[in-house]
Protein backbone atom coordinates (compact mmCIF):
# COMPACT_ATOMS: atom_id res chain seq x y z
CA MET A 1 -16.55 -51.21 -22.85
CA GLN A 2 -18.83 -50.64 -25.83
CA ARG A 3 -20.43 -53.97 -25.09
CA ALA A 4 -20.91 -52.97 -21.43
CA LEU A 5 -22.49 -49.77 -22.56
CA ALA A 6 -24.81 -51.61 -25.00
CA ALA A 7 -25.85 -53.91 -22.36
CA ARG A 8 -26.89 -51.02 -20.04
CA LEU A 9 -28.77 -49.38 -22.96
CA LEU A 10 -30.57 -52.62 -23.71
CA ARG A 11 -31.64 -52.92 -20.13
CA LYS A 12 -33.27 -49.44 -20.40
CA LEU A 13 -35.45 -50.45 -23.18
CA PRO A 14 -39.22 -50.76 -22.66
CA THR A 15 -40.33 -54.34 -23.10
CA ASN A 16 -44.01 -53.66 -23.68
CA GLY A 17 -45.00 -56.92 -21.83
CA ARG A 18 -42.40 -58.99 -23.79
CA ALA A 19 -39.23 -60.47 -22.48
CA ALA A 20 -36.36 -58.11 -22.17
CA PRO A 21 -33.77 -58.59 -24.92
CA LEU A 22 -30.85 -60.88 -23.94
CA VAL A 23 -27.54 -59.20 -23.58
CA ALA A 24 -26.04 -62.46 -24.91
CA SER A 25 -27.21 -61.24 -28.28
CA LEU A 26 -24.29 -58.76 -28.29
CA ASP A 27 -22.03 -61.63 -28.98
CA HIS A 28 -23.31 -61.92 -32.57
CA PRO A 29 -21.65 -60.05 -35.34
CA VAL A 30 -22.57 -56.39 -35.67
CA GLY A 31 -24.22 -56.89 -39.02
CA SER A 32 -26.92 -59.26 -37.39
CA ILE A 33 -28.10 -56.57 -34.97
CA PRO A 34 -30.87 -54.47 -36.16
CA TYR A 35 -29.66 -51.15 -34.87
CA SER A 36 -31.98 -48.11 -35.00
CA THR A 37 -32.41 -44.97 -33.07
CA ASP A 38 -35.80 -46.23 -31.97
CA ARG A 39 -34.26 -49.12 -30.07
CA PHE A 40 -31.24 -47.51 -28.59
CA LEU A 41 -30.69 -44.56 -26.28
CA ASP A 42 -30.18 -41.31 -28.26
CA VAL A 43 -27.23 -39.38 -26.79
CA GLY A 44 -27.55 -36.45 -29.15
CA GLN A 45 -24.67 -37.37 -31.40
CA PRO A 46 -23.65 -40.48 -33.38
CA SER A 47 -22.27 -43.44 -31.41
CA PHE A 48 -21.21 -46.96 -32.34
CA ILE A 49 -24.41 -48.30 -30.99
CA SER A 50 -26.66 -45.88 -33.00
CA HIS A 51 -24.55 -45.28 -36.10
CA PRO A 52 -22.38 -48.33 -36.78
CA GLN A 53 -22.19 -47.05 -40.35
CA LEU A 54 -20.20 -44.03 -39.15
CA LEU A 55 -18.14 -45.34 -36.14
CA ASN A 56 -16.20 -48.42 -35.34
CA GLU A 57 -16.41 -50.03 -32.04
CA GLY A 58 -14.31 -48.13 -29.61
CA GLU A 59 -14.63 -44.74 -31.33
CA VAL A 60 -16.14 -41.78 -29.55
CA THR A 61 -16.30 -39.75 -32.88
CA PRO A 62 -15.68 -41.09 -36.35
CA GLY A 63 -12.04 -41.96 -36.73
CA ILE A 64 -10.95 -41.11 -33.08
CA THR A 65 -10.98 -43.73 -30.47
CA GLU A 66 -11.85 -43.60 -26.80
CA SER A 67 -8.21 -44.36 -26.01
CA GLU A 68 -6.88 -41.37 -28.15
CA TYR A 69 -9.27 -39.00 -26.39
CA ALA A 70 -8.02 -40.38 -23.01
CA SER A 71 -4.47 -39.85 -24.07
CA ARG A 72 -5.03 -36.30 -24.95
CA ARG A 73 -6.48 -35.55 -21.52
CA LYS A 74 -3.60 -37.45 -19.84
CA ARG A 75 -1.10 -35.27 -21.67
CA LEU A 76 -2.87 -32.19 -20.62
CA LEU A 77 -3.06 -33.26 -17.00
CA GLU A 78 0.79 -34.01 -17.02
CA ALA A 79 1.41 -30.56 -18.49
CA LEU A 80 -0.69 -28.69 -16.01
CA PRO A 81 1.19 -27.23 -13.02
CA ASP A 82 0.63 -28.84 -9.54
CA ASN A 83 -2.73 -27.80 -8.24
CA GLY A 84 -3.61 -26.29 -11.67
CA ILE A 85 -7.11 -26.69 -13.21
CA ALA A 86 -8.34 -26.57 -16.74
CA ILE A 87 -11.78 -25.42 -17.54
CA ILE A 88 -13.02 -26.14 -21.05
CA ALA A 89 -16.36 -24.78 -22.13
CA SER A 90 -18.27 -26.05 -25.05
CA ALA A 91 -19.14 -23.50 -27.79
CA PRO A 92 -22.36 -21.48 -27.26
CA VAL A 93 -25.40 -21.63 -29.42
CA LYS A 94 -25.63 -18.51 -31.45
CA MET A 95 -29.12 -17.28 -32.51
CA MET A 96 -30.24 -16.07 -35.87
CA THR A 97 -33.52 -14.89 -34.53
CA ASP A 98 -35.36 -15.43 -31.12
CA VAL A 99 -36.17 -19.03 -32.00
CA VAL A 100 -33.88 -19.97 -34.95
CA PRO A 101 -30.21 -20.86 -34.16
CA TYR A 102 -27.24 -20.70 -36.48
CA PRO A 103 -25.75 -24.02 -37.33
CA PHE A 104 -23.81 -25.25 -34.39
CA ARG A 105 -20.06 -26.07 -34.45
CA GLN A 106 -18.22 -27.27 -31.45
CA ASP A 107 -15.17 -25.40 -29.98
CA ALA A 108 -12.11 -27.20 -31.21
CA ASP A 109 -10.44 -27.57 -27.82
CA TYR A 110 -13.47 -28.95 -26.21
CA LEU A 111 -14.07 -31.40 -28.93
CA TYR A 112 -10.41 -32.35 -28.96
CA LEU A 113 -10.43 -33.29 -25.26
CA THR A 114 -13.92 -34.66 -24.73
CA GLY A 115 -15.31 -35.88 -28.12
CA CYS A 116 -18.66 -34.26 -27.22
CA LEU A 117 -20.30 -32.43 -30.22
CA GLN A 118 -23.03 -30.74 -28.36
CA PRO A 119 -23.49 -27.28 -26.72
CA GLY A 120 -24.05 -26.62 -23.04
CA GLY A 121 -21.29 -28.46 -21.35
CA ILE A 122 -18.24 -27.70 -19.37
CA ALA A 123 -15.32 -30.04 -18.91
CA ILE A 124 -12.85 -29.83 -15.96
CA LEU A 125 -9.33 -31.44 -15.79
CA SER A 126 -7.19 -31.33 -12.65
CA LYS A 127 -4.70 -33.87 -11.11
CA ASP A 128 -6.87 -34.04 -8.02
CA SER A 129 -10.24 -34.50 -9.56
CA GLY A 130 -9.37 -36.16 -12.84
CA PHE A 131 -11.80 -35.62 -15.81
CA CYS A 132 -15.20 -34.15 -14.69
CA MET A 133 -18.00 -32.99 -16.89
CA PHE A 134 -20.91 -30.66 -16.16
CA MET A 135 -23.73 -31.53 -18.54
CA PRO A 136 -26.91 -29.87 -19.62
CA GLU A 137 -30.12 -31.17 -18.24
CA PRO A 138 -32.73 -32.07 -20.87
CA ASP A 139 -35.90 -29.94 -20.83
CA PRO A 140 -38.88 -31.87 -22.04
CA HIS A 141 -40.01 -28.92 -24.06
CA ASP A 142 -36.56 -28.76 -25.78
CA VAL A 143 -36.42 -32.50 -26.41
CA VAL A 144 -39.76 -32.34 -28.25
CA TRP A 145 -38.40 -29.44 -30.47
CA GLN A 146 -34.76 -30.26 -30.73
CA GLY A 147 -34.29 -33.85 -29.85
CA GLU A 148 -32.24 -35.62 -27.17
CA ILE A 149 -29.00 -34.39 -25.81
CA ALA A 150 -26.13 -36.03 -23.89
CA GLY A 151 -26.53 -35.78 -20.10
CA VAL A 152 -24.70 -37.12 -17.03
CA GLU A 153 -24.95 -40.79 -18.03
CA ALA A 154 -23.50 -40.14 -21.53
CA ALA A 155 -20.67 -38.14 -19.92
CA LEU A 156 -19.74 -41.36 -17.92
CA ASP A 157 -20.51 -44.00 -20.57
CA ILE A 158 -19.69 -42.26 -23.88
CA PHE A 159 -17.12 -39.62 -22.98
CA LYS A 160 -15.53 -41.51 -20.09
CA ALA A 161 -15.61 -38.82 -17.44
CA ASP A 162 -14.37 -39.89 -14.07
CA ARG A 163 -17.22 -37.83 -12.59
CA ALA A 164 -20.20 -36.08 -14.18
CA PHE A 165 -22.74 -33.68 -12.70
CA PRO A 166 -25.90 -31.85 -14.05
CA MET A 167 -25.17 -28.10 -14.69
CA HIS A 168 -27.24 -27.00 -11.78
CA LYS A 169 -24.64 -28.57 -9.43
CA MET A 170 -21.81 -26.57 -10.93
CA ASN A 171 -21.93 -23.58 -8.47
CA GLU A 172 -21.80 -25.78 -5.45
CA ILE A 173 -18.88 -27.92 -6.88
CA LEU A 174 -16.83 -25.86 -9.20
CA TRP A 175 -16.37 -22.96 -6.89
CA GLY A 176 -14.48 -25.11 -4.40
CA MET A 177 -12.33 -26.66 -7.15
CA ILE A 178 -11.39 -23.11 -8.34
CA GLY A 179 -10.76 -21.82 -4.90
CA ARG A 180 -8.26 -24.50 -4.23
CA ALA A 181 -6.37 -24.26 -7.42
CA SER A 182 -3.16 -22.18 -7.70
CA ARG A 183 -3.51 -21.65 -11.50
CA LEU A 184 -6.48 -21.61 -13.85
CA PHE A 185 -6.53 -22.25 -17.55
CA HIS A 186 -9.64 -21.91 -19.78
CA ASN A 187 -10.53 -21.59 -23.41
CA VAL A 188 -10.88 -17.90 -23.45
CA LYS A 189 -12.84 -17.63 -26.77
CA THR A 190 -15.79 -19.71 -25.49
CA ALA A 191 -15.65 -18.62 -21.85
CA LEU A 192 -19.07 -18.84 -20.18
CA PRO A 193 -20.48 -16.46 -17.54
CA ALA A 194 -21.58 -19.62 -15.68
CA TYR A 195 -18.04 -19.84 -14.24
CA THR A 196 -16.27 -16.53 -15.18
CA GLU A 197 -18.78 -14.75 -12.86
CA MET A 198 -18.01 -16.97 -9.89
CA GLU A 199 -16.39 -14.95 -7.09
CA ALA A 200 -13.49 -17.45 -6.95
CA PHE A 201 -12.78 -17.07 -10.60
CA ARG A 202 -12.91 -13.36 -10.49
CA ILE A 203 -10.39 -13.28 -7.54
CA ALA A 204 -8.02 -15.59 -9.48
CA MET A 205 -8.37 -13.35 -12.51
CA GLN A 206 -7.49 -10.21 -10.43
CA ASN A 207 -4.55 -12.03 -9.01
CA GLY A 208 -3.16 -12.81 -12.41
CA ASN A 209 -3.70 -16.63 -12.01
CA VAL A 210 -5.98 -17.18 -15.04
CA LYS A 211 -4.37 -18.09 -18.42
CA ASP A 212 -5.50 -19.15 -21.88
CA LEU A 213 -5.74 -22.83 -22.19
CA SER A 214 -4.52 -22.56 -25.90
CA CYS A 215 -0.90 -22.42 -24.58
CA TYR A 216 -1.29 -26.19 -24.09
CA THR A 217 -3.99 -27.32 -26.54
CA HIS A 218 -2.49 -25.56 -29.57
CA GLU A 219 0.80 -27.17 -29.00
CA PHE A 220 -0.90 -30.62 -28.72
CA ARG A 221 -3.03 -30.12 -31.82
CA TRP A 222 -0.17 -28.73 -33.95
CA ILE A 223 1.19 -32.30 -34.63
CA LYS A 224 -1.44 -34.57 -35.95
CA SER A 225 -1.75 -38.24 -34.93
CA PRO A 226 -2.11 -40.93 -37.52
CA SER A 227 -5.89 -41.05 -37.08
CA GLU A 228 -6.04 -37.22 -37.50
CA ILE A 229 -4.07 -37.41 -40.65
CA LYS A 230 -6.32 -40.05 -42.04
CA LEU A 231 -9.38 -37.71 -41.46
CA MET A 232 -7.58 -34.77 -42.96
CA ARG A 233 -6.66 -36.87 -46.14
CA GLN A 234 -10.29 -37.76 -46.43
CA SER A 235 -11.37 -34.01 -46.00
CA ALA A 236 -8.90 -33.03 -48.65
CA ALA A 237 -10.03 -35.73 -51.12
CA ILE A 238 -13.71 -34.66 -50.62
CA ALA A 239 -12.78 -31.03 -51.29
CA CYS A 240 -10.72 -31.92 -54.37
CA GLN A 241 -13.39 -34.15 -55.92
CA SER A 242 -16.05 -31.45 -55.16
CA LEU A 243 -14.04 -28.64 -56.67
CA LEU A 244 -13.13 -30.70 -59.76
CA GLN A 245 -16.78 -31.29 -60.29
CA THR A 246 -17.58 -27.64 -59.85
CA MET A 247 -14.83 -26.65 -62.42
CA LEU A 248 -16.49 -28.81 -65.07
CA PHE A 249 -19.87 -27.22 -64.08
CA SER A 250 -18.48 -23.75 -64.44
CA ARG A 251 -18.35 -24.01 -68.29
CA THR A 252 -22.17 -24.32 -68.40
CA PHE A 253 -23.07 -22.17 -65.38
CA PRO A 254 -20.49 -19.28 -65.05
CA GLU A 255 -22.26 -17.69 -62.01
CA GLU A 256 -20.65 -17.28 -58.66
CA SER A 257 -23.81 -18.32 -56.69
CA LYS A 258 -24.23 -21.42 -58.64
CA LEU A 259 -20.67 -22.47 -58.27
CA SER A 260 -20.78 -21.80 -54.55
CA ALA A 261 -24.01 -24.00 -54.39
CA LYS A 262 -22.42 -26.76 -56.58
CA VAL A 263 -19.26 -27.11 -54.49
CA GLU A 264 -21.24 -27.30 -51.27
CA TYR A 265 -23.65 -29.88 -52.63
CA GLU A 266 -20.80 -32.07 -53.85
CA CYS A 267 -18.90 -31.77 -50.51
CA LYS A 268 -21.98 -32.82 -48.51
CA MET A 269 -22.85 -35.61 -51.00
CA ARG A 270 -19.41 -37.08 -50.36
CA GLY A 271 -19.91 -37.10 -46.61
CA SER A 272 -18.78 -33.65 -45.35
CA GLN A 273 -20.75 -32.32 -42.43
CA ARG A 274 -20.40 -28.68 -43.43
CA MET A 275 -18.17 -26.20 -45.30
CA ALA A 276 -14.93 -25.12 -43.52
CA PHE A 277 -15.99 -21.49 -44.45
CA ASN A 278 -18.26 -19.65 -46.76
CA PRO A 279 -16.61 -20.46 -50.25
CA VAL A 280 -14.82 -17.64 -51.94
CA VAL A 281 -16.02 -17.61 -55.56
CA GLY A 282 -14.55 -14.49 -57.15
CA GLY A 283 -15.08 -13.94 -60.85
CA GLY A 284 -13.11 -11.29 -62.69
CA LYS A 285 -12.33 -8.33 -60.40
CA ASN A 286 -13.98 -9.96 -57.48
CA GLY A 287 -11.04 -12.39 -57.41
CA SER A 288 -8.85 -9.58 -56.24
CA VAL A 289 -10.79 -9.29 -52.96
CA ILE A 290 -9.07 -11.78 -50.71
CA HIS A 291 -11.96 -12.98 -48.60
CA TYR A 292 -14.70 -12.11 -51.19
CA SER A 293 -17.89 -13.75 -49.90
CA ARG A 294 -20.88 -12.15 -51.78
CA ASN A 295 -20.83 -14.67 -54.55
CA ASP A 296 -23.64 -12.87 -56.33
CA GLN A 297 -22.19 -11.89 -59.75
CA ASN A 298 -22.15 -13.50 -63.18
CA ILE A 299 -18.55 -14.39 -64.52
CA ARG A 300 -17.94 -12.65 -67.79
CA GLU A 301 -16.48 -14.33 -70.90
CA GLY A 302 -12.75 -14.07 -70.65
CA ASP A 303 -12.64 -13.55 -66.85
CA LEU A 304 -11.01 -15.80 -64.42
CA VAL A 305 -12.68 -17.30 -61.47
CA LEU A 306 -10.91 -17.70 -58.11
CA MET A 307 -12.39 -20.33 -55.85
CA ASP A 308 -11.18 -20.91 -52.32
CA VAL A 309 -13.09 -23.74 -50.64
CA GLY A 310 -12.80 -26.31 -47.84
CA CYS A 311 -15.03 -28.68 -46.00
CA GLU A 312 -15.16 -30.37 -42.56
CA PHE A 313 -15.04 -34.15 -42.26
CA HIS A 314 -15.75 -35.18 -38.71
CA GLY A 315 -13.98 -32.28 -37.07
CA TYR A 316 -11.03 -31.93 -39.55
CA LEU A 317 -10.88 -29.26 -42.32
CA SER A 318 -9.50 -28.93 -45.77
CA ASP A 319 -8.64 -25.68 -47.57
CA LEU A 320 -7.66 -25.30 -51.24
CA THR A 321 -7.83 -22.69 -53.98
CA ARG A 322 -7.82 -23.00 -57.74
CA THR A 323 -8.09 -20.11 -60.43
CA TRP A 324 -9.23 -20.90 -63.95
CA PRO A 325 -11.14 -19.43 -66.90
CA PRO A 326 -14.67 -20.92 -67.16
CA CYS A 327 -14.55 -20.19 -70.93
CA GLY A 328 -11.57 -22.46 -71.08
CA THR A 329 -8.86 -20.02 -72.47
CA PHE A 330 -6.27 -17.86 -70.55
CA SER A 331 -5.42 -14.61 -72.20
CA SER A 332 -1.72 -14.08 -72.65
CA VAL A 333 -1.68 -11.69 -69.77
CA GLN A 334 -3.53 -14.03 -67.54
CA GLU A 335 -1.27 -16.87 -68.58
CA ALA A 336 1.83 -15.07 -67.78
CA LEU A 337 0.63 -14.10 -64.34
CA TYR A 338 -0.75 -17.51 -63.66
CA ASP A 339 2.63 -19.15 -64.62
CA LEU A 340 4.31 -17.01 -61.98
CA ILE A 341 1.90 -17.99 -59.22
CA LEU A 342 2.06 -21.57 -60.19
CA GLU A 343 5.84 -21.70 -60.27
CA THR A 344 5.93 -20.00 -56.85
CA ASN A 345 3.44 -22.58 -55.49
CA LYS A 346 5.54 -25.54 -56.81
CA GLU A 347 8.81 -24.09 -55.60
CA CYS A 348 7.35 -23.32 -52.14
CA VAL A 349 6.00 -26.78 -51.80
CA LYS A 350 9.47 -28.21 -52.42
CA LEU A 351 10.78 -26.21 -49.38
CA CYS A 352 8.32 -27.95 -47.11
CA ARG A 353 10.16 -30.34 -44.85
CA PRO A 354 11.09 -30.80 -41.10
CA GLY A 355 13.14 -27.98 -39.64
CA VAL A 356 11.89 -25.38 -42.14
CA SER A 357 9.32 -22.73 -40.95
CA ILE A 358 6.42 -21.15 -42.71
CA GLN A 359 8.09 -17.84 -42.27
CA GLN A 360 11.08 -19.09 -44.17
CA ILE A 361 8.90 -20.44 -46.94
CA HIS A 362 7.08 -17.12 -46.92
CA ASN A 363 10.22 -15.02 -47.27
CA SER A 364 11.33 -17.17 -50.23
CA SER A 365 7.88 -16.65 -51.80
CA VAL A 366 8.06 -12.87 -51.48
CA ARG A 367 11.50 -12.89 -53.27
CA MET A 368 10.17 -15.06 -56.17
CA LEU A 369 7.00 -13.03 -56.54
CA CYS A 370 8.81 -9.64 -56.37
CA LYS A 371 11.23 -10.72 -59.04
CA GLY A 372 8.52 -12.13 -61.18
CA LEU A 373 6.20 -9.11 -60.89
CA LYS A 374 9.03 -6.80 -61.73
CA GLU A 375 9.87 -8.74 -64.79
CA LEU A 376 6.19 -8.57 -65.92
CA GLY A 377 6.20 -4.80 -65.34
CA ILE A 378 3.65 -4.91 -62.54
CA LEU A 379 5.97 -3.74 -59.95
CA LYS A 380 8.37 -0.81 -60.55
CA ASP A 381 10.74 -1.66 -57.70
CA ASP A 382 11.41 -4.46 -55.24
CA THR A 383 10.21 -2.57 -52.15
CA GLY A 384 8.06 -4.47 -49.67
CA HIS A 385 5.47 -1.71 -49.65
CA SER A 386 4.72 -2.00 -53.42
CA TYR A 387 4.62 -5.87 -53.13
CA HIS A 388 2.29 -5.99 -50.11
CA GLN A 389 -0.21 -3.73 -51.79
CA LEU A 390 -0.83 -6.54 -54.19
CA ASN A 391 -0.37 -9.43 -51.77
CA PRO A 392 -0.77 -8.66 -48.06
CA THR A 393 -1.11 -12.35 -47.20
CA SER A 394 1.22 -14.96 -45.81
CA ILE A 395 2.34 -17.94 -47.92
CA GLY A 396 0.34 -20.11 -45.69
CA HIS A 397 -0.95 -21.18 -42.24
CA TYR A 398 -1.52 -24.20 -40.13
CA LEU A 399 -4.55 -26.37 -40.83
CA GLY A 400 -6.45 -28.90 -38.75
CA MET A 401 -9.52 -28.61 -36.54
CA ASP A 402 -9.74 -24.90 -37.44
CA VAL A 403 -8.95 -23.18 -40.67
CA HIS A 404 -6.19 -21.07 -39.23
CA ASP A 405 -5.28 -23.78 -36.80
CA CYS A 406 -3.17 -23.47 -33.62
CA SER A 407 -2.90 -19.66 -33.98
CA ILE A 408 -0.74 -19.43 -30.80
CA VAL A 409 2.05 -21.37 -32.51
CA SER A 410 4.45 -18.94 -34.36
CA ASN A 411 4.94 -19.19 -38.06
CA SER A 412 8.66 -19.09 -37.21
CA ARG A 413 8.44 -22.47 -35.47
CA PRO A 414 10.48 -25.14 -37.42
CA LEU A 415 8.00 -27.65 -38.90
CA GLN A 416 7.81 -31.14 -37.60
CA PRO A 417 6.35 -34.43 -39.10
CA GLY A 418 2.65 -34.49 -38.63
CA VAL A 419 2.07 -30.74 -39.09
CA VAL A 420 -0.31 -29.73 -41.89
CA ILE A 421 0.09 -26.33 -43.57
CA THR A 422 -1.22 -24.52 -46.63
CA ILE A 423 0.90 -23.16 -49.38
CA GLU A 424 -1.08 -20.29 -51.14
CA PRO A 425 0.87 -17.78 -53.13
CA GLY A 426 -1.37 -15.18 -54.86
CA VAL A 427 -1.58 -11.73 -56.36
CA TYR A 428 -4.56 -9.54 -55.97
CA ILE A 429 -4.66 -6.47 -58.29
CA PRO A 430 -7.63 -4.15 -57.72
CA LEU A 431 -8.89 -1.89 -60.63
CA SER A 432 -7.45 1.15 -58.92
CA ALA A 433 -3.95 -0.34 -58.75
CA ASP A 434 -0.98 1.65 -60.19
CA VAL A 435 0.01 -0.97 -62.69
CA PRO A 436 -0.24 -1.45 -66.36
CA GLU A 437 -3.94 -1.40 -67.25
CA ARG A 438 -3.91 -4.94 -68.71
CA TYR A 439 -3.23 -6.46 -65.29
CA ARG A 440 -5.89 -4.51 -63.32
CA GLY A 441 -8.76 -6.53 -61.93
CA ILE A 442 -6.91 -9.79 -61.83
CA GLY A 443 -6.88 -12.17 -58.79
CA ILE A 444 -4.97 -15.40 -58.88
CA ARG A 445 -4.27 -17.90 -56.03
CA ILE A 446 -3.14 -21.42 -56.12
CA GLU A 447 -3.43 -23.24 -52.67
CA ASP A 448 -2.54 -26.66 -51.73
CA GLU A 449 -2.48 -28.52 -48.36
CA VAL A 450 0.85 -30.04 -47.38
CA LEU A 451 1.54 -32.68 -44.75
CA ILE A 452 5.10 -32.56 -43.37
CA THR A 453 6.55 -36.01 -43.35
CA ASP A 454 9.69 -37.59 -41.88
CA THR A 455 11.46 -37.21 -45.21
CA GLY A 456 9.72 -34.18 -46.71
CA TYR A 457 6.17 -33.53 -47.61
CA GLU A 458 2.93 -35.03 -48.98
CA VAL A 459 0.55 -32.83 -50.91
CA LEU A 460 -2.88 -33.74 -49.59
CA THR A 461 -4.50 -31.82 -52.55
CA GLY A 462 -2.19 -33.25 -55.15
CA SER A 463 -5.02 -34.74 -57.21
CA MET A 464 -6.38 -31.40 -57.97
CA PRO A 465 -5.26 -30.03 -61.37
CA LYS A 466 -3.46 -26.72 -61.47
CA GLU A 467 -1.17 -26.94 -64.57
CA ILE A 468 -2.55 -24.80 -67.49
CA SER A 469 -2.49 -27.80 -69.76
CA HIS A 470 -4.58 -29.75 -67.38
CA LEU A 471 -7.05 -27.02 -66.93
CA LYS A 472 -7.53 -26.78 -70.77
CA SER A 473 -7.98 -30.45 -70.89
CA LEU A 474 -10.84 -30.21 -68.29
CA HIS A 475 -12.49 -27.58 -70.34
CA SER A 476 -12.41 -29.61 -73.47
CA TYR A 477 -13.84 -32.56 -71.55
CA ALA A 478 -16.64 -30.35 -70.14
CA LYS A 479 -17.32 -29.04 -73.58
CA ASP A 480 -17.48 -32.48 -75.12
CA ASP A 481 -19.70 -33.64 -72.41
CA LEU A 482 -22.05 -30.76 -72.82
CA ARG A 483 -22.16 -31.47 -76.58
CA ALA A 484 -22.93 -35.10 -75.99
CA ALA A 485 -25.76 -34.25 -73.56
CA SER A 486 -27.38 -31.88 -75.95
CA SER A 487 -27.19 -34.04 -79.02
């Protein structure tokens, strides 16, 4: 199929008076073909033809094949009720100013089903019509300023739609499809007025016949395929290597902003497309703010820094946290509290296996932390209220194409092989907390990614140090390296 596409694209090339290139040249090895975006049709995102360094033949996006995307759509079609229809909109472009957009990230459900990384499209799935795509129409002015986009031809050739139409045809085609449907499903969070304002859609909504598509897609996305797991391993490896470099860097540059910049640089240099979220770099008391994001303070000598980071690798995310002293030495108070969090992390990881739920692991973590915090004199009693003032978070969440992935799936669901979760015990003690003064202003979290396997678990972030002895060794290495560089 990729060869057929290449042949069509080659036939479109201008010859400038020379003989058109022979399709027979496609039989030569890939390495012998001088690919470039100047010679091949640009469809607005990498393809095997334009980016052979990123995609293998048969892949729509790096690591995910055309057949896997087709099987995802087939599964959804089989799950839809008779005469049901799914409407999946791409994510909208959000503007920073009137002419400057925020960086675009595709809606996970739209990407999961289509492989299309661009805004402006709507996909339709129904048993009667199959897989249809309505695609944006390139405006010459926009092409000059923003580059090419995928249109109708790419929908058919790249994304393998059964039918494809320009967006201006949507009103005359989609309203009839909606009107004939008994039940509608759409991705509510990226719903577009282009279809929600249609009279047929409004009538279906009034009659209670419109549901959130995530009741299907989150179920499908919950268990990862082998190719998805491979991408998640790579994403985790990038994040681990990048955070490790940042930990070494922190000895010389103990500033939140520089550590945030360093980890992002390292992730992108290793192939990540973007960060999974704005890094949390909380030094000292800022580490007790769970989703701290200012990252604008110096880290004082003797303080800990809590870094929660993750990156995206071709649609799949990583998420891990480490806490350490950039100066290299834990105080006795910090070490006692860190040991409690570390032991809880390790014990909770051991609980990860098929049949156990995140909620059950969470309940175990609360018991461990309540007992430990009471023994340290931080908690006066074992009441849930006292504990949740210091840790209002869950022990973990699902991870995949979104940071808090598959949110419609309950944390009480027994885990199955192929599910990826986080294990992230922590304690966050504000300066105002009613605890012994020596503990105030300390925030500690240790977060790992865990893949549930047939026999138990695999820690995807297992290469990232977390033992105190290992953290001290890292500091010694950084110190020696700094001494050697300055001599």
